[in-house]
N, C-alpha and C. Protein backbone atom coordinates (compact mmCIF):
# COMPACT_ATOMS: atom_id res chain seq x y z
N MET A 1 8.45 -13.27 11.91
CA MET A 1 7.14 -12.90 11.43
C MET A 1 7.18 -12.86 9.91
N SER A 2 6.24 -13.54 9.28
CA SER A 2 6.13 -13.51 7.83
C SER A 2 4.70 -13.13 7.48
N ALA A 3 4.56 -12.27 6.50
CA ALA A 3 3.24 -11.78 6.12
C ALA A 3 2.84 -12.31 4.76
N LEU A 4 1.60 -12.73 4.67
CA LEU A 4 1.00 -13.14 3.41
C LEU A 4 -0.20 -12.22 3.19
N MET A 5 -0.24 -11.54 2.05
CA MET A 5 -1.37 -10.69 1.73
C MET A 5 -2.26 -11.44 0.75
N ARG A 6 -3.56 -11.49 1.05
CA ARG A 6 -4.51 -12.19 0.17
C ARG A 6 -5.88 -11.56 0.31
N ARG A 7 -6.78 -11.96 -0.59
CA ARG A 7 -8.17 -11.49 -0.52
C ARG A 7 -8.80 -11.96 0.78
N ALA A 8 -9.57 -11.08 1.39
CA ALA A 8 -10.30 -11.43 2.61
C ALA A 8 -11.44 -12.36 2.25
N ARG A 9 -11.76 -13.26 3.20
CA ARG A 9 -12.87 -14.20 3.03
C ARG A 9 -13.79 -14.07 4.23
N ALA A 10 -14.98 -14.60 4.10
CA ALA A 10 -15.94 -14.58 5.22
C ALA A 10 -15.34 -15.27 6.44
N ALA A 11 -14.49 -16.27 6.23
CA ALA A 11 -13.86 -16.99 7.35
C ALA A 11 -12.92 -16.09 8.15
N ASP A 12 -12.51 -14.95 7.59
CA ASP A 12 -11.63 -14.01 8.28
C ASP A 12 -12.40 -13.01 9.14
N LEU A 13 -13.72 -13.04 9.05
CA LEU A 13 -14.55 -12.00 9.65
C LEU A 13 -14.34 -11.84 11.15
N ASP A 14 -14.25 -12.93 11.90
CA ASP A 14 -14.08 -12.81 13.36
C ASP A 14 -12.79 -12.07 13.70
N GLU A 15 -11.70 -12.43 13.03
CA GLU A 15 -10.43 -11.76 13.30
C GLU A 15 -10.46 -10.30 12.84
N ILE A 16 -11.06 -10.05 11.70
CA ILE A 16 -11.18 -8.68 11.21
C ILE A 16 -11.98 -7.83 12.20
N MET A 17 -13.08 -8.38 12.68
CA MET A 17 -13.92 -7.61 13.61
C MET A 17 -13.22 -7.35 14.94
N ALA A 18 -12.40 -8.29 15.41
CA ALA A 18 -11.65 -8.06 16.64
C ALA A 18 -10.69 -6.89 16.46
N LEU A 19 -9.99 -6.84 15.32
CA LEU A 19 -9.08 -5.72 15.05
C LEU A 19 -9.85 -4.44 14.79
N GLU A 20 -10.97 -4.53 14.10
CA GLU A 20 -11.83 -3.37 13.84
C GLU A 20 -12.26 -2.71 15.15
N ARG A 21 -12.74 -3.51 16.08
CA ARG A 21 -13.22 -2.97 17.36
C ARG A 21 -12.08 -2.41 18.21
N ALA A 22 -10.92 -3.05 18.14
CA ALA A 22 -9.77 -2.56 18.90
C ALA A 22 -9.22 -1.26 18.31
N THR A 23 -9.24 -1.14 17.00
CA THR A 23 -8.69 0.03 16.32
C THR A 23 -9.65 1.21 16.31
N PHE A 24 -10.90 0.94 16.05
CA PHE A 24 -11.91 2.00 15.91
C PHE A 24 -12.94 1.86 17.03
N ALA A 25 -12.50 2.01 18.25
CA ALA A 25 -13.32 1.71 19.43
C ALA A 25 -14.69 2.40 19.41
N THR A 26 -14.74 3.67 19.04
CA THR A 26 -16.01 4.39 19.12
C THR A 26 -16.81 4.39 17.82
N ASP A 27 -16.17 4.06 16.71
CA ASP A 27 -16.92 4.10 15.44
C ASP A 27 -16.65 2.87 14.56
N ALA A 28 -16.49 1.73 15.21
CA ALA A 28 -16.28 0.48 14.48
C ALA A 28 -17.52 0.11 13.67
N TRP A 29 -17.29 -0.51 12.52
CA TRP A 29 -18.40 -1.02 11.73
C TRP A 29 -19.03 -2.21 12.44
N SER A 30 -20.26 -2.47 12.09
CA SER A 30 -20.92 -3.67 12.61
C SER A 30 -20.44 -4.88 11.79
N GLU A 31 -20.62 -6.06 12.35
CA GLU A 31 -20.22 -7.28 11.65
C GLU A 31 -20.99 -7.42 10.34
N SER A 32 -22.26 -7.07 10.34
CA SER A 32 -23.05 -7.21 9.10
C SER A 32 -22.55 -6.23 8.02
N MET A 33 -22.15 -5.04 8.42
CA MET A 33 -21.61 -4.08 7.45
C MET A 33 -20.31 -4.61 6.85
N MET A 34 -19.43 -5.13 7.71
CA MET A 34 -18.14 -5.62 7.23
C MET A 34 -18.34 -6.84 6.32
N ARG A 35 -19.24 -7.74 6.69
CA ARG A 35 -19.51 -8.91 5.85
C ARG A 35 -20.02 -8.47 4.48
N ALA A 36 -20.92 -7.50 4.45
CA ALA A 36 -21.45 -7.01 3.18
C ALA A 36 -20.35 -6.41 2.32
N GLU A 37 -19.40 -5.72 2.93
CA GLU A 37 -18.28 -5.13 2.18
C GLU A 37 -17.37 -6.22 1.61
N ILE A 38 -17.02 -7.20 2.44
CA ILE A 38 -16.11 -8.27 2.01
C ILE A 38 -16.74 -9.11 0.91
N GLU A 39 -18.02 -9.39 1.03
CA GLU A 39 -18.69 -10.26 0.06
C GLU A 39 -19.32 -9.49 -1.09
N GLY A 40 -19.32 -8.17 -1.03
CA GLY A 40 -19.97 -7.34 -2.04
C GLY A 40 -19.30 -7.41 -3.40
N GLU A 41 -20.11 -7.18 -4.41
CA GLU A 41 -19.66 -7.25 -5.80
C GLU A 41 -18.55 -6.24 -6.11
N HIS A 42 -18.58 -5.07 -5.49
CA HIS A 42 -17.64 -4.01 -5.83
C HIS A 42 -16.53 -3.84 -4.79
N GLY A 43 -16.52 -4.70 -3.79
CA GLY A 43 -15.50 -4.60 -2.75
C GLY A 43 -14.25 -5.39 -3.08
N TYR A 44 -13.14 -4.86 -2.68
CA TYR A 44 -11.85 -5.55 -2.79
C TYR A 44 -11.18 -5.42 -1.43
N TYR A 45 -11.27 -6.47 -0.65
CA TYR A 45 -10.74 -6.46 0.72
C TYR A 45 -9.58 -7.42 0.84
N LEU A 46 -8.53 -6.96 1.48
CA LEU A 46 -7.33 -7.75 1.68
C LEU A 46 -7.08 -7.96 3.16
N VAL A 47 -6.44 -9.06 3.48
CA VAL A 47 -5.92 -9.28 4.82
C VAL A 47 -4.43 -9.58 4.68
N ALA A 48 -3.68 -9.18 5.70
CA ALA A 48 -2.28 -9.57 5.83
C ALA A 48 -2.24 -10.51 7.02
N VAL A 49 -1.80 -11.74 6.79
CA VAL A 49 -1.82 -12.74 7.85
C VAL A 49 -0.44 -13.37 8.01
N ASP A 50 -0.19 -13.83 9.22
CA ASP A 50 1.01 -14.61 9.52
C ASP A 50 0.52 -16.01 9.88
N ASP A 51 0.49 -16.88 8.90
CA ASP A 51 -0.01 -18.24 9.12
C ASP A 51 0.90 -19.06 10.03
N GLU A 52 2.10 -18.57 10.27
CA GLU A 52 3.04 -19.28 11.14
C GLU A 52 3.02 -18.76 12.57
N ALA A 53 2.16 -17.82 12.88
CA ALA A 53 2.12 -17.22 14.22
C ALA A 53 1.75 -18.27 15.26
N ASP A 54 2.52 -18.32 16.35
CA ASP A 54 2.22 -19.23 17.45
C ASP A 54 0.97 -18.79 18.20
N ASP A 55 0.81 -17.48 18.34
CA ASP A 55 -0.32 -16.90 19.05
C ASP A 55 -1.43 -16.62 18.04
N PRO A 56 -2.60 -17.28 18.16
CA PRO A 56 -3.68 -17.04 17.19
C PRO A 56 -4.14 -15.58 17.15
N GLU A 57 -3.93 -14.85 18.22
CA GLU A 57 -4.31 -13.43 18.24
C GLU A 57 -3.33 -12.57 17.45
N LYS A 58 -2.23 -13.15 17.02
CA LYS A 58 -1.25 -12.41 16.22
C LYS A 58 -1.21 -12.93 14.79
N ARG A 59 -2.22 -13.69 14.39
CA ARG A 59 -2.30 -14.20 13.02
C ARG A 59 -2.69 -13.09 12.05
N LEU A 60 -3.73 -12.33 12.37
CA LEU A 60 -4.16 -11.23 11.50
C LEU A 60 -3.31 -10.00 11.82
N MET A 61 -2.57 -9.56 10.81
CA MET A 61 -1.68 -8.43 10.99
C MET A 61 -2.33 -7.12 10.55
N GLY A 62 -3.29 -7.20 9.63
CA GLY A 62 -3.95 -6.00 9.14
C GLY A 62 -4.95 -6.34 8.06
N TYR A 63 -5.74 -5.36 7.70
CA TYR A 63 -6.71 -5.51 6.61
C TYR A 63 -6.96 -4.15 5.98
N ALA A 64 -7.47 -4.17 4.77
CA ALA A 64 -7.81 -2.93 4.06
C ALA A 64 -8.87 -3.25 3.03
N GLY A 65 -9.68 -2.25 2.71
CA GLY A 65 -10.75 -2.46 1.75
C GLY A 65 -10.95 -1.28 0.81
N LEU A 66 -11.30 -1.62 -0.41
CA LEU A 66 -11.55 -0.65 -1.46
C LEU A 66 -12.91 -0.92 -2.07
N TYR A 67 -13.67 0.12 -2.33
CA TYR A 67 -14.94 0.02 -3.02
C TYR A 67 -14.72 0.61 -4.40
N ALA A 68 -14.84 -0.23 -5.45
CA ALA A 68 -14.52 0.20 -6.81
C ALA A 68 -15.54 -0.35 -7.80
N PRO A 69 -16.69 0.33 -7.95
CA PRO A 69 -17.67 -0.12 -8.93
C PRO A 69 -17.08 -0.05 -10.35
N ALA A 70 -17.19 -1.13 -11.08
CA ALA A 70 -16.63 -1.20 -12.43
C ALA A 70 -17.22 -0.11 -13.33
N GLY A 71 -16.35 0.50 -14.12
CA GLY A 71 -16.78 1.47 -15.11
C GLY A 71 -16.99 2.88 -14.62
N THR A 72 -16.85 3.15 -13.31
CA THR A 72 -17.09 4.50 -12.81
C THR A 72 -15.87 5.39 -12.87
N GLY A 73 -14.68 4.78 -12.87
CA GLY A 73 -13.46 5.56 -12.86
C GLY A 73 -13.04 6.05 -11.48
N ASP A 74 -13.87 5.79 -10.47
CA ASP A 74 -13.58 6.23 -9.11
C ASP A 74 -13.62 5.04 -8.16
N ALA A 75 -12.87 5.16 -7.06
CA ALA A 75 -12.87 4.15 -6.01
C ALA A 75 -12.70 4.86 -4.67
N ASP A 76 -13.11 4.19 -3.62
CA ASP A 76 -12.99 4.73 -2.27
C ASP A 76 -12.29 3.72 -1.38
N VAL A 77 -11.26 4.18 -0.66
CA VAL A 77 -10.66 3.35 0.38
C VAL A 77 -11.66 3.39 1.53
N GLN A 78 -12.23 2.23 1.82
CA GLN A 78 -13.26 2.15 2.85
C GLN A 78 -12.67 2.05 4.25
N THR A 79 -11.59 1.28 4.38
CA THR A 79 -11.02 1.06 5.69
C THR A 79 -9.62 0.50 5.56
N ILE A 80 -8.82 0.73 6.59
CA ILE A 80 -7.51 0.13 6.70
C ILE A 80 -7.16 0.11 8.18
N ALA A 81 -6.61 -1.02 8.62
CA ALA A 81 -6.18 -1.13 10.01
C ALA A 81 -5.02 -2.12 10.08
N VAL A 82 -4.06 -1.79 10.93
CA VAL A 82 -2.96 -2.71 11.18
C VAL A 82 -2.90 -2.97 12.68
N ALA A 83 -2.57 -4.20 13.03
CA ALA A 83 -2.49 -4.59 14.44
C ALA A 83 -1.35 -3.83 15.12
N PRO A 84 -1.52 -3.50 16.40
CA PRO A 84 -0.49 -2.74 17.11
C PRO A 84 0.90 -3.38 17.04
N PHE A 85 0.98 -4.70 17.06
CA PHE A 85 2.29 -5.36 17.05
C PHE A 85 2.98 -5.28 15.69
N THR A 86 2.29 -4.77 14.65
CA THR A 86 2.91 -4.64 13.32
C THR A 86 3.15 -3.19 12.94
N ARG A 87 2.75 -2.25 13.75
CA ARG A 87 2.89 -0.84 13.38
C ARG A 87 4.35 -0.45 13.25
N GLY A 88 4.63 0.34 12.23
CA GLY A 88 5.98 0.83 12.02
C GLY A 88 6.83 -0.03 11.10
N ILE A 89 6.28 -1.12 10.55
CA ILE A 89 7.07 -1.98 9.66
C ILE A 89 6.68 -1.80 8.19
N GLY A 90 5.78 -0.88 7.90
CA GLY A 90 5.39 -0.61 6.52
C GLY A 90 4.21 -1.42 6.02
N LEU A 91 3.51 -2.11 6.91
CA LEU A 91 2.38 -2.93 6.48
C LEU A 91 1.24 -2.06 5.94
N GLY A 92 0.95 -0.95 6.59
CA GLY A 92 -0.10 -0.05 6.09
C GLY A 92 0.21 0.44 4.69
N ARG A 93 1.46 0.80 4.46
CA ARG A 93 1.90 1.24 3.12
C ARG A 93 1.73 0.10 2.11
N GLY A 94 2.10 -1.11 2.51
CA GLY A 94 1.95 -2.25 1.61
C GLY A 94 0.50 -2.52 1.25
N LEU A 95 -0.38 -2.44 2.24
CA LEU A 95 -1.81 -2.62 1.96
C LEU A 95 -2.33 -1.52 1.03
N MET A 96 -1.91 -0.28 1.27
CA MET A 96 -2.36 0.81 0.40
C MET A 96 -1.83 0.62 -1.02
N HIS A 97 -0.59 0.22 -1.17
CA HIS A 97 -0.05 -0.03 -2.51
C HIS A 97 -0.86 -1.11 -3.22
N ALA A 98 -1.24 -2.15 -2.49
CA ALA A 98 -2.04 -3.22 -3.09
C ALA A 98 -3.41 -2.70 -3.54
N LEU A 99 -4.03 -1.84 -2.74
CA LEU A 99 -5.33 -1.27 -3.13
C LEU A 99 -5.18 -0.39 -4.36
N ILE A 100 -4.14 0.43 -4.39
CA ILE A 100 -3.91 1.32 -5.54
C ILE A 100 -3.62 0.50 -6.79
N THR A 101 -2.86 -0.56 -6.65
CA THR A 101 -2.58 -1.44 -7.79
C THR A 101 -3.86 -2.07 -8.32
N HIS A 102 -4.73 -2.51 -7.42
CA HIS A 102 -6.02 -3.06 -7.85
C HIS A 102 -6.85 -1.99 -8.57
N ALA A 103 -6.85 -0.78 -8.02
CA ALA A 103 -7.60 0.32 -8.66
C ALA A 103 -7.08 0.55 -10.07
N ARG A 104 -5.78 0.53 -10.24
CA ARG A 104 -5.19 0.72 -11.57
C ARG A 104 -5.65 -0.39 -12.52
N ARG A 105 -5.66 -1.64 -12.04
CA ARG A 105 -6.13 -2.77 -12.87
C ARG A 105 -7.59 -2.59 -13.27
N MET A 106 -8.37 -1.94 -12.41
CA MET A 106 -9.80 -1.71 -12.68
C MET A 106 -10.02 -0.44 -13.52
N HIS A 107 -8.94 0.17 -13.98
CA HIS A 107 -8.99 1.40 -14.79
C HIS A 107 -9.62 2.56 -14.02
N VAL A 108 -9.33 2.59 -12.73
CA VAL A 108 -9.80 3.69 -11.88
C VAL A 108 -8.86 4.87 -12.07
N ALA A 109 -9.43 6.06 -12.23
CA ALA A 109 -8.64 7.27 -12.41
C ALA A 109 -8.39 7.99 -11.08
N ARG A 110 -9.34 7.88 -10.14
CA ARG A 110 -9.25 8.61 -8.88
C ARG A 110 -9.63 7.71 -7.72
N VAL A 111 -8.83 7.76 -6.65
CA VAL A 111 -9.14 7.04 -5.42
C VAL A 111 -9.35 8.09 -4.34
N PHE A 112 -10.44 7.96 -3.61
CA PHE A 112 -10.78 8.89 -2.54
C PHE A 112 -10.69 8.18 -1.20
N LEU A 113 -10.51 8.97 -0.14
CA LEU A 113 -10.56 8.44 1.22
C LEU A 113 -10.83 9.58 2.19
N GLU A 114 -11.22 9.20 3.39
CA GLU A 114 -11.32 10.15 4.49
C GLU A 114 -10.39 9.67 5.59
N VAL A 115 -9.74 10.60 6.24
CA VAL A 115 -8.87 10.27 7.36
C VAL A 115 -9.22 11.20 8.53
N ARG A 116 -9.20 10.63 9.72
CA ARG A 116 -9.50 11.43 10.91
C ARG A 116 -8.47 12.55 11.04
N ALA A 117 -8.97 13.74 11.32
CA ALA A 117 -8.08 14.89 11.50
C ALA A 117 -7.14 14.70 12.68
N ASP A 118 -7.49 13.84 13.62
CA ASP A 118 -6.64 13.59 14.79
C ASP A 118 -5.72 12.37 14.59
N ASN A 119 -5.47 11.98 13.32
CA ASN A 119 -4.60 10.84 13.03
C ASN A 119 -3.47 11.29 12.09
N PRO A 120 -2.47 12.00 12.64
CA PRO A 120 -1.41 12.53 11.77
C PRO A 120 -0.55 11.44 11.13
N ILE A 121 -0.44 10.27 11.74
CA ILE A 121 0.37 9.20 11.15
C ILE A 121 -0.27 8.70 9.86
N ALA A 122 -1.57 8.45 9.90
CA ALA A 122 -2.27 8.02 8.69
C ALA A 122 -2.24 9.11 7.64
N LYS A 123 -2.45 10.35 8.03
CA LYS A 123 -2.44 11.48 7.08
C LYS A 123 -1.07 11.56 6.40
N ALA A 124 0.01 11.39 7.16
CA ALA A 124 1.35 11.44 6.58
C ALA A 124 1.56 10.30 5.57
N LEU A 125 1.03 9.12 5.88
CA LEU A 125 1.13 8.00 4.94
C LEU A 125 0.44 8.36 3.63
N TYR A 126 -0.78 8.85 3.71
CA TYR A 126 -1.53 9.18 2.50
C TYR A 126 -0.85 10.30 1.71
N ASP A 127 -0.33 11.31 2.42
CA ASP A 127 0.43 12.37 1.74
C ASP A 127 1.60 11.77 0.97
N SER A 128 2.33 10.86 1.60
CA SER A 128 3.51 10.28 0.98
C SER A 128 3.17 9.41 -0.24
N LEU A 129 1.94 8.92 -0.30
CA LEU A 129 1.50 8.11 -1.44
C LEU A 129 0.94 8.97 -2.58
N GLY A 130 0.88 10.28 -2.38
CA GLY A 130 0.42 11.17 -3.44
C GLY A 130 -1.01 11.66 -3.29
N PHE A 131 -1.69 11.29 -2.22
CA PHE A 131 -3.05 11.80 -1.99
C PHE A 131 -2.96 13.28 -1.66
N VAL A 132 -3.94 14.05 -2.12
CA VAL A 132 -4.01 15.48 -1.82
C VAL A 132 -5.32 15.78 -1.10
N GLU A 133 -5.26 16.74 -0.22
CA GLU A 133 -6.44 17.15 0.54
C GLU A 133 -7.40 17.90 -0.38
N ILE A 134 -8.67 17.51 -0.34
CA ILE A 134 -9.66 18.18 -1.18
C ILE A 134 -10.79 18.80 -0.37
N GLY A 135 -10.80 18.60 0.94
CA GLY A 135 -11.85 19.22 1.75
C GLY A 135 -11.87 18.66 3.16
N ILE A 136 -12.73 19.27 3.97
CA ILE A 136 -12.91 18.85 5.36
C ILE A 136 -14.39 18.55 5.56
N ARG A 137 -14.68 17.45 6.21
CA ARG A 137 -16.05 17.11 6.58
C ARG A 137 -16.16 17.27 8.09
N ARG A 138 -16.78 18.35 8.50
CA ARG A 138 -16.87 18.70 9.91
C ARG A 138 -17.70 17.67 10.68
N GLY A 139 -17.13 17.19 11.80
CA GLY A 139 -17.85 16.28 12.68
C GLY A 139 -18.19 14.94 12.07
N TYR A 140 -17.49 14.52 11.05
CA TYR A 140 -17.80 13.31 10.28
C TYR A 140 -17.76 12.04 11.13
N TYR A 141 -16.73 11.92 11.96
CA TYR A 141 -16.58 10.71 12.77
C TYR A 141 -17.37 10.85 14.06
N GLN A 142 -18.39 10.02 14.19
CA GLN A 142 -19.28 10.05 15.35
C GLN A 142 -19.13 8.76 16.14
N PRO A 143 -19.30 8.79 17.42
CA PRO A 143 -19.84 9.88 18.23
C PRO A 143 -18.81 10.89 18.70
N ASP A 144 -17.56 10.79 18.23
CA ASP A 144 -16.50 11.68 18.71
C ASP A 144 -16.58 13.10 18.17
N GLY A 145 -17.28 13.29 17.06
CA GLY A 145 -17.37 14.63 16.47
C GLY A 145 -16.06 15.09 15.84
N VAL A 146 -15.22 14.15 15.42
CA VAL A 146 -13.92 14.48 14.83
C VAL A 146 -14.09 14.74 13.34
N ASP A 147 -13.41 15.76 12.85
CA ASP A 147 -13.46 16.09 11.42
C ASP A 147 -12.76 15.02 10.59
N ALA A 148 -13.22 14.89 9.36
CA ALA A 148 -12.57 14.03 8.38
C ALA A 148 -11.89 14.90 7.34
N ILE A 149 -10.67 14.55 7.01
CA ILE A 149 -9.97 15.21 5.91
C ILE A 149 -10.22 14.33 4.68
N ALA A 150 -10.89 14.90 3.69
CA ALA A 150 -11.16 14.18 2.44
C ALA A 150 -9.94 14.34 1.54
N MET A 151 -9.51 13.21 0.95
CA MET A 151 -8.32 13.22 0.11
C MET A 151 -8.58 12.48 -1.20
N ARG A 152 -7.77 12.81 -2.21
CA ARG A 152 -7.91 12.18 -3.52
C ARG A 152 -6.52 11.86 -4.08
N LEU A 153 -6.45 10.73 -4.75
CA LEU A 153 -5.24 10.34 -5.49
C LEU A 153 -5.63 10.19 -6.95
N ASP A 154 -4.95 10.92 -7.82
CA ASP A 154 -5.10 10.67 -9.25
C ASP A 154 -4.16 9.51 -9.53
N VAL A 155 -4.74 8.36 -9.86
CA VAL A 155 -3.98 7.12 -9.96
C VAL A 155 -2.95 7.24 -11.08
N PRO A 156 -1.67 7.11 -10.71
CA PRO A 156 -0.64 7.21 -11.75
C PRO A 156 -0.60 5.96 -12.61
N GLU A 157 -0.13 6.14 -13.82
CA GLU A 157 0.07 4.99 -14.71
C GLU A 157 1.15 4.11 -14.13
N ALA A 158 1.09 2.84 -14.42
CA ALA A 158 2.15 1.92 -14.00
C ALA A 158 3.42 2.28 -14.75
N VAL A 159 4.53 2.22 -14.07
CA VAL A 159 5.81 2.54 -14.68
C VAL A 159 6.68 1.30 -14.66
N ALA A 160 7.11 0.91 -15.84
CA ALA A 160 8.02 -0.24 -15.94
C ALA A 160 9.40 0.30 -16.25
N ARG A 161 10.38 -0.14 -15.50
CA ARG A 161 11.75 0.29 -15.71
C ARG A 161 12.61 -0.94 -15.98
N PRO A 162 13.63 -0.78 -16.81
CA PRO A 162 14.53 -1.92 -17.01
C PRO A 162 15.29 -2.21 -15.72
N ALA A 163 15.71 -3.43 -15.59
CA ALA A 163 16.49 -3.82 -14.42
C ALA A 163 17.79 -3.02 -14.41
N VAL A 164 18.28 -2.71 -13.24
CA VAL A 164 19.54 -2.01 -13.10
C VAL A 164 20.65 -2.96 -13.53
N THR A 165 21.53 -2.45 -14.40
CA THR A 165 22.63 -3.28 -14.88
C THR A 165 23.95 -2.59 -14.57
N ASP A 166 25.01 -3.32 -14.65
CA ASP A 166 26.35 -2.78 -14.46
C ASP A 166 26.60 -1.78 -15.58
N THR A 167 26.97 -0.55 -15.23
CA THR A 167 27.16 0.47 -16.26
C THR A 167 28.49 0.33 -16.98
N VAL A 168 29.43 -0.40 -16.41
CA VAL A 168 30.71 -0.63 -17.07
C VAL A 168 30.60 -1.93 -17.85
N ARG A 169 30.76 -1.84 -19.14
CA ARG A 169 30.69 -3.04 -19.96
C ARG A 169 32.06 -3.68 -20.01
N ARG A 170 32.10 -4.92 -19.69
CA ARG A 170 33.35 -5.66 -19.72
C ARG A 170 33.39 -6.49 -21.01
N PRO A 171 34.56 -6.58 -21.61
CA PRO A 171 34.65 -7.36 -22.85
C PRO A 171 34.42 -8.84 -22.56
N ALA A 172 33.89 -9.49 -23.54
CA ALA A 172 33.68 -10.93 -23.42
C ALA A 172 35.02 -11.62 -23.33
N SER A 173 35.05 -12.73 -22.68
CA SER A 173 36.27 -13.51 -22.52
C SER A 173 36.88 -13.82 -23.88
N GLY A 174 38.19 -13.58 -24.02
CA GLY A 174 38.88 -13.88 -25.28
C GLY A 174 38.82 -12.77 -26.30
N THR A 175 38.22 -11.63 -25.97
CA THR A 175 38.10 -10.51 -26.90
C THR A 175 39.33 -9.62 -26.76
N ALA A 176 39.93 -9.22 -27.88
CA ALA A 176 41.08 -8.32 -27.84
C ALA A 176 40.61 -6.91 -27.53
N THR A 177 41.40 -6.21 -26.74
CA THR A 177 41.06 -4.82 -26.42
C THR A 177 42.24 -3.94 -26.74
N THR A 178 41.97 -2.71 -27.12
CA THR A 178 43.03 -1.74 -27.38
C THR A 178 42.70 -0.49 -26.61
N PRO A 179 43.73 0.23 -26.16
CA PRO A 179 43.44 1.46 -25.43
C PRO A 179 42.80 2.49 -26.37
N ALA A 180 42.04 3.37 -25.81
CA ALA A 180 41.41 4.42 -26.59
C ALA A 180 42.48 5.34 -27.16
N ARG A 181 42.18 5.98 -28.25
CA ARG A 181 43.13 6.90 -28.89
C ARG A 181 43.46 8.02 -27.93
N GLY A 182 44.71 8.40 -27.94
CA GLY A 182 45.16 9.53 -27.11
C GLY A 182 45.58 9.11 -25.73
N ILE A 183 45.41 7.84 -25.36
CA ILE A 183 45.83 7.39 -24.04
C ILE A 183 47.17 6.71 -24.20
N ARG A 184 48.13 7.09 -23.40
CA ARG A 184 49.47 6.51 -23.48
C ARG A 184 49.71 5.64 -22.27
N SER A 185 50.39 4.58 -22.51
CA SER A 185 50.82 3.73 -21.42
C SER A 185 52.27 4.07 -21.14
N SER A 186 52.62 4.07 -19.89
CA SER A 186 54.02 4.34 -19.57
C SER A 186 54.73 3.02 -19.34
N THR A 187 56.00 3.01 -19.60
CA THR A 187 56.82 1.82 -19.37
C THR A 187 57.83 2.15 -18.28
N ALA A 188 58.52 1.16 -17.86
CA ALA A 188 59.50 1.35 -16.80
C ALA A 188 60.54 2.41 -17.16
N GLY A 189 60.92 2.53 -18.42
CA GLY A 189 61.93 3.47 -18.84
C GLY A 189 61.39 4.86 -19.06
N GLY A 190 60.10 5.06 -18.93
CA GLY A 190 59.50 6.38 -19.10
C GLY A 190 59.13 6.68 -20.53
N ALA A 191 59.44 5.82 -21.47
CA ALA A 191 59.10 6.09 -22.86
C ALA A 191 57.69 5.60 -23.13
N ALA A 192 57.04 6.25 -24.03
CA ALA A 192 55.69 5.85 -24.35
C ALA A 192 55.64 5.18 -25.69
């Protein structure tokens, strides 16, 4: 299995909607809502696909979307879903990292999301990414009446680190070396 992450296109809509309906059985978005999000001016939607999949139903591995109006400083994770056959391999984390990276490029300071209170796996993912709980929306997910946990991430600055290098410096070939002062070498006779 190989994954390619790219911007979602209208041509991906059928596959996205199949996963949307399977993942969010009682509160799936309509096709027109999803199309408007994917094609919208402020939307940033990604798909993870396996173009080499033998089974066409296993081509779409996941999708995620961010709503980030330019100049507002805020963004909202609109949706994220991963196919059952990809769960547990870090694809959800990868999609979230891509959304956060895009938010940073857009100079977004805060990313918000809601997560179902009955979805501890997703909540744990968001916690691990630095999102903090900011409130509860009672009965938010309908028709199930499930509460939403509202969360916020203060987008961290990008951190660039130098590549890890060998900490022991070896002399260049042909360079003379001398032992450090105070270090004695022993000889066979015991004299230094």
